[in-house]
C-alpha atoms as a PDB file:
ATOM      1  CA  MET A   1      94.543  86.437  72.251  1.00  0.00           C
ATOM      2  CA  ILE A   2      96.089  83.963  69.155  1.00  0.00           C
ATOM      3  CA  GLU A   3      96.765  80.108  70.654  1.00  0.00           C
ATOM      4  CA  LEU A   4      97.505  77.952  68.042  1.00  0.00           C
ATOM      5  CA  ILE A   5      97.363  77.633  64.392  1.00  0.00           C
ATOM      6  CA  SER A   6      96.047  73.561  63.229  1.00  0.00           C
ATOM      7  CA  THR A   7      98.903  72.688  60.909  1.00  0.00           C
ATOM      8  CA  GLN A   8      96.518  69.759  60.051  1.00  0.00           C
ATOM      9  CA  GLN A   9      93.437  71.931  59.043  1.00  0.00           C
ATOM     10  CA  CYS A  10      95.349  75.314  57.958  1.00  0.00           C
ATOM     11  CA  ILE A  11      94.826  75.624  53.788  1.00  0.00           C
ATOM     12  CA  ALA A  12      97.736  78.033  53.752  1.00  0.00           C
ATOM     13  CA  CYS A  13      94.875  80.838  52.311  1.00  0.00           C
ATOM     14  CA  ASP A  14      97.049  83.608  54.546  1.00  0.00           C
ATOM     15  CA  LYS A  15      94.222  85.333  55.507  1.00  0.00           C
ATOM     16  CA  CYS A  16      94.659  85.188  59.304  1.00  0.00           C
ATOM     17  CA  ILE A  17      97.887  87.084  57.848  1.00  0.00           C
ATOM     18  CA  LEU A  18      96.099  89.614  56.018  1.00  0.00           C
ATOM     19  CA  VAL A  19      93.634  90.458  58.414  1.00  0.00           C
ATOM     20  CA  CYS A  20      95.567  90.631  61.256  1.00  0.00           C
ATOM     21  CA  PRO A  21      95.881  94.334  62.997  1.00  0.00           C
ATOM     22  CA  THR A  22      98.919  94.331  64.421  1.00  0.00           C
ATOM     23  CA  ASN A  23     100.782  91.700  61.897  1.00  0.00           C
ATOM     24  CA  VAL A  24     101.250  88.651  64.511  1.00  0.00           C
ATOM     25  CA  PHE A  25     102.291  86.290  61.632  1.00  0.00           C
ATOM     26  CA  ASP A  26     104.708  85.508  59.324  1.00  0.00           C
ATOM     27  CA  ARG A  27     104.668  82.555  56.843  1.00  0.00           C
ATOM     28  CA  GLY A  28     106.862  79.611  57.597  1.00  0.00           C
ATOM     29  CA  ALA A  29     108.730  77.933  55.817  1.00  0.00           C
ATOM     30  CA  ASP A  30     106.496  75.336  54.571  1.00  0.00           C
ATOM     31  CA  GLY A  31     103.892  78.451  53.861  1.00  0.00           C
ATOM     32  CA  LEU A  32     101.819  77.765  56.651  1.00  0.00           C
ATOM     33  CA  PRO A  33     101.493  80.722  59.322  1.00  0.00           C
ATOM     34  CA  VAL A  34     102.998  80.910  62.399  1.00  0.00           C
ATOM     35  CA  ILE A  35     102.262  82.691  65.280  1.00  0.00           C
ATOM     36  CA  SER A  36     105.788  85.132  65.534  1.00  0.00           C
ATOM     37  CA  ARG A  37     104.872  87.955  67.631  1.00  0.00           C
ATOM     38  CA  GLN A  38     101.820  86.619  69.855  1.00  0.00           C
ATOM     39  CA  SER A  39     102.393  89.554  72.882  1.00  0.00           C
ATOM     40  CA  ASP A  40     101.026  91.954  69.889  1.00  0.00           C
ATOM     41  CA  CYS A  41      97.631  90.184  69.805  1.00  0.00           C
ATOM     42  CA  GLN A  42      94.720  92.718  70.144  1.00  0.00           C
ATOM     43  CA  THR A  43      91.978  89.261  70.769  1.00  0.00           C
ATOM     44  CA  CYS A  44      90.180  90.762  68.045  1.00  0.00           C
ATOM     45  CA  PHE A  45      89.290  87.222  66.878  1.00  0.00           C
ATOM     46  CA  GLN A  46      89.441  88.899  63.354  1.00  0.00           C
ATOM     47  CA  CYS A  47      91.913  86.034  62.680  1.00  0.00           C
ATOM     48  CA  GLU A  48      89.522  82.683  63.699  1.00  0.00           C
ATOM     49  CA  ALA A  49      86.784  84.951  62.092  1.00  0.00           C
ATOM     50  CA  ASN A  50      88.148  84.864  58.998  1.00  0.00           C
ATOM     51  CA  CYS A  51      90.097  81.303  58.362  1.00  0.00           C
ATOM     52  CA  PRO A  52      88.045  79.348  55.932  1.00  0.00           C
ATOM     53  CA  ALA A  53      90.013  76.298  57.356  1.00  0.00           C
ATOM     54  CA  ASP A  54      88.490  76.883  61.350  1.00  0.00           C
ATOM     55  CA  ALA A  55      92.284  76.267  62.027  1.00  0.00           C
ATOM     56  CA  LEU A  56      92.956  78.874  64.467  1.00  0.00           C
ATOM     57  CA  PHE A  57      92.289  78.802  67.989  1.00  0.00           C
ATOM     58  CA  VAL A  58      91.677  82.372  69.767  1.00  0.00           C
ATOM     59  CA  ALA A  59      91.419  82.495  73.554  1.00  0.00           C
ATOM     60  CA  PRO A  60      89.327  84.793  75.508  1.00  0.00           C
ATOM     61  CA  HIS A  61      92.044  85.717  76.857  1.00  0.00           C
ATOM     62  CA  THR A  62      94.594  89.820  76.540  1.00  0.00           C
ATOM     63  CA  HIS A  63      97.843  87.518  77.748  1.00  0.00           C
ATOM     64  CA  PRO A  64      99.183  84.335  76.491  1.00  0.00           C
ATOM     65  CA  LEU A  65      98.187  80.661  78.308  1.00  0.00           C
ATOM     66  CA  PRO A  66     100.900  78.622  79.913  1.00  0.00           C
ATOM     67  CA  GLU A  67     102.084  75.492  77.369  1.00  0.00           C
ATOM     68  CA  ALA A  68     100.585  73.004  79.482  1.00  0.00           C
ATOM     69  CA  SER A  69      96.801  74.853  78.801  1.00  0.00           C
ATOM     70  CA  PHE A  70      94.102  73.200  76.858  1.00  0.00           C
ATOM     71  CA  ALA A  71      94.182  75.874  74.348  1.00  0.00           C
ATOM     72  CA  HIS A  72      97.648  74.384  72.618  1.00  0.00           C
ATOM     73  CA  ASP A  73      96.180  70.737  72.772  1.00  0.00           C
ATOM     74  CA  GLU A  74      95.033  70.639  69.118  1.00  0.00           C
ATOM     75  CA  GLU A  75      93.279  67.578  69.881  1.00  0.00           C
ATOM     76  CA  HIS A  76      90.847  68.941  73.313  1.00  0.00           C
ATOM     77  CA  LEU A  77      90.581  71.626  70.980  1.00  0.00           C
ATOM     78  CA  ARG A  78      88.980  69.689  68.359  1.00  0.00           C
ATOM     79  CA  ARG A  79      87.485  66.987  70.253  1.00  0.00           C
ATOM     80  CA  THR A  80      85.867  70.002  72.301  1.00  0.00           C
ATOM     81  CA  GLY A  81      84.732  71.639  69.172  1.00  0.00           C
ATOM     82  CA  LEU A  82      86.617  75.297  70.371  1.00  0.00           C
ATOM     83  CA  LEU A  83      88.636  75.028  67.432  1.00  0.00           C
ATOM     84  CA  GLY A  84      87.460  77.815  65.071  1.00  0.00           C
ATOM     85  CA  SER A  85      84.114  78.014  67.520  1.00  0.00           C
ATOM     86  CA  TYR A  86      84.166  81.958  67.051  1.00  0.00           C
ATOM     87  CA  ARG A  87      83.402  81.710  63.429  1.00  0.00           C
ATOM     88  CA  ARG A  88      80.665  79.516  64.552  1.00  0.00           C
ATOM     89  CA  ASP A  89      79.706  81.550  66.860  1.00  0.00           C
ATOM     90  CA  ILE A  90      78.915  84.232  64.681  1.00  0.00           C
ATOM     91  CA  GLY A  91      77.605  82.316  62.393  1.00  0.00           C
ATOM     92  CA  TRP A  92      80.926  82.637  59.115  1.00  0.00           C
ATOM     93  CA  GLY A  93      81.062  79.875  56.877  1.00  0.00           C
ATOM     94  CA  ARG A  94      78.969  77.747  54.389  1.00  0.00           C
ATOM     95  CA  GLY A  95      75.625  76.577  56.297  1.00  0.00           C
ATOM     96  CA  ARG A  96      76.094  78.637  58.841  1.00  0.00           C
ATOM     97  CA  THR A  97      73.636  81.256  59.922  1.00  0.00           C
ATOM     98  CA  PRO A  98      74.719  84.275  60.634  1.00  0.00           C
ATOM     99  CA  ALA A  99      74.397  85.539  64.642  1.00  0.00           C
ATOM    100  CA  ALA A 100      72.273  88.415  63.658  1.00  0.00           C
ATOM    101  CA  ALA A 101      70.094  87.007  62.134  1.00  0.00           C
ATOM    102  CA  ARG A 102      69.581  84.343  65.111  1.00  0.00           C
ATOM    103  CA  ALA A 103      69.616  87.399  67.207  1.00  0.00           C
ATOM    104  CA  VAL A 104      66.188  89.327  65.822  1.00  0.00           C
ATOM    105  CA  GLY A 105      64.617  85.734  64.991  1.00  0.00           C
ATOM    106  CA  PRO A 106      62.702  84.755  62.312  1.00  0.00           C
ATOM    107  CA  ALA A 107      61.824  88.216  61.091  1.00  0.00           C
ATOM    108  CA  LEU A 108      65.246  88.274  59.022  1.00  0.00           C
ATOM    109  CA  SER A 109      64.883  84.423  57.857  1.00  0.00           C
ATOM    110  CA  PRO A 110      63.901  83.954  54.382  1.00  0.00           C
ATOM    111  CA  SER A 111      60.770  81.987  55.916  1.00  0.00           C
ATOM    112  CA  GLY A 112      59.869  83.970  57.862  1.00  0.00           C
ATOM    113  CA  PRO A 113      57.352  86.944  58.065  1.00  0.00           C
ATOM    114  CA  PRO A 114      58.313  90.181  56.154  1.00  0.00           C
ATOM    115  CA  LEU A 115      59.390  92.843  58.153  1.00  0.00           C
ATOM    116  CA  ILE A 116      56.733  95.574  56.915  1.00  0.00           C
ATOM    117  CA  SER A 117      53.270  94.419  56.047  1.00  0.00           C
END
């Protein structure tokens, strides 16, 4: 479930708003997205996967976590590498290797052996 939007890292690109299949976000008065309908979140991770600034954290739960949870502590999420971690784990973003390429190994790598000899 979507738990946090980093106002420090968000670049107001609106990608999270555009890709959310359940319309969880609204644009705040400051132009930054806000979580308006958290209970509608399907935990699909599309917002976090498409955020070019790694400014979102979606917890792998289907219910909101308590306010005292680590999921609402931006500094903790940043320090532990959880902020934007889904995007990193799937290999999206500049300088990252897509997860599919990592899964099959060097066969898809430009420097690896060709798939067909």
